[in-house]
Amino acid sequence: MNAPAIVLLSGGLDSATVLAIAKQQGFLPYALSFSYGQRHSVELEAATRVAEQAGVARHIVADIDLRVFGGSALTDDIAVPKGRDEEQMAGEIPPTYVPGRNTIFLSFALAYAEVVGARDVFTGVNAVDYSGYPDCRPEYIDAYEAMANLATKSAIEGDGRIRVHAPLIDMTKAEIVRKGLELGVDYSLTSSCYDPSPEGVACGTCDTCVLRLKGFHEAGIADPVRYLAVPA
């Protein structure tokens, strides 16, 4: 019987690829998404499509509200940056950073893992083609895993360590796209945009759209999702 694993699933390119990797490695995935007060529900619709296509054991959407804190363009009345180049993205932590988000999400995943008897948690964080978020770095993942093995009953009384897998952390977007296609990921089901239209069409100019389009271009593959605008 395949060992269970929790896979954080946002509905974007990276998390869909991580879900496929978890399956390739022989795990039975339990997908976990969040309705956290983000400015749109498009990504949750995408997560549902991806989970169904992948045939996960179960897909849970946890309902939390980070809008009570705000402080991010995704959870507050702050404009999403558009039209930035990679040098600008690397210059500072952008307003789309949601304070504490990955720590909160991983903590929910850790609780879910204990309930279903999983010792493995998968996340799609990436430290190469990304927007400079502090909770996407290898040292953060290492520190969180160390904490998880101090803070859980299963780690203290069980027969193995909790492992936090971040298989994309050192990969470029192009490498991620190639890996996903190799594993049969249908990227037309995904949504990565920070500011899509109500119909789910990606803007094409926010940081995550720019990085996603760059990845597909460098992989020599056309991105199958629709865009309102595609930068040159």
Foldseek 3Di string as FASTA:
>chain_A
DAAEEEQEAQQALLSLLQLLVCVVVRHQYEYEYEPAQFPACLSVQLSVVSCVVSVHPYYDYHYHYLLVVDQAVGNDVDDFDWQDDPVVLQPDQDRNDRPCVVVVVVVVSLVVCVVVVHQEYEYRQEQPLDRNHPCSAPVNQVVVQVVSLVPDPCNVVHDDGRHYDHPRHHPALLVSVVSSVVSPRDQQSGAFASDADNVRAHAQTGSRNVRNCVNCVVNVHDRNGHHPDHDD
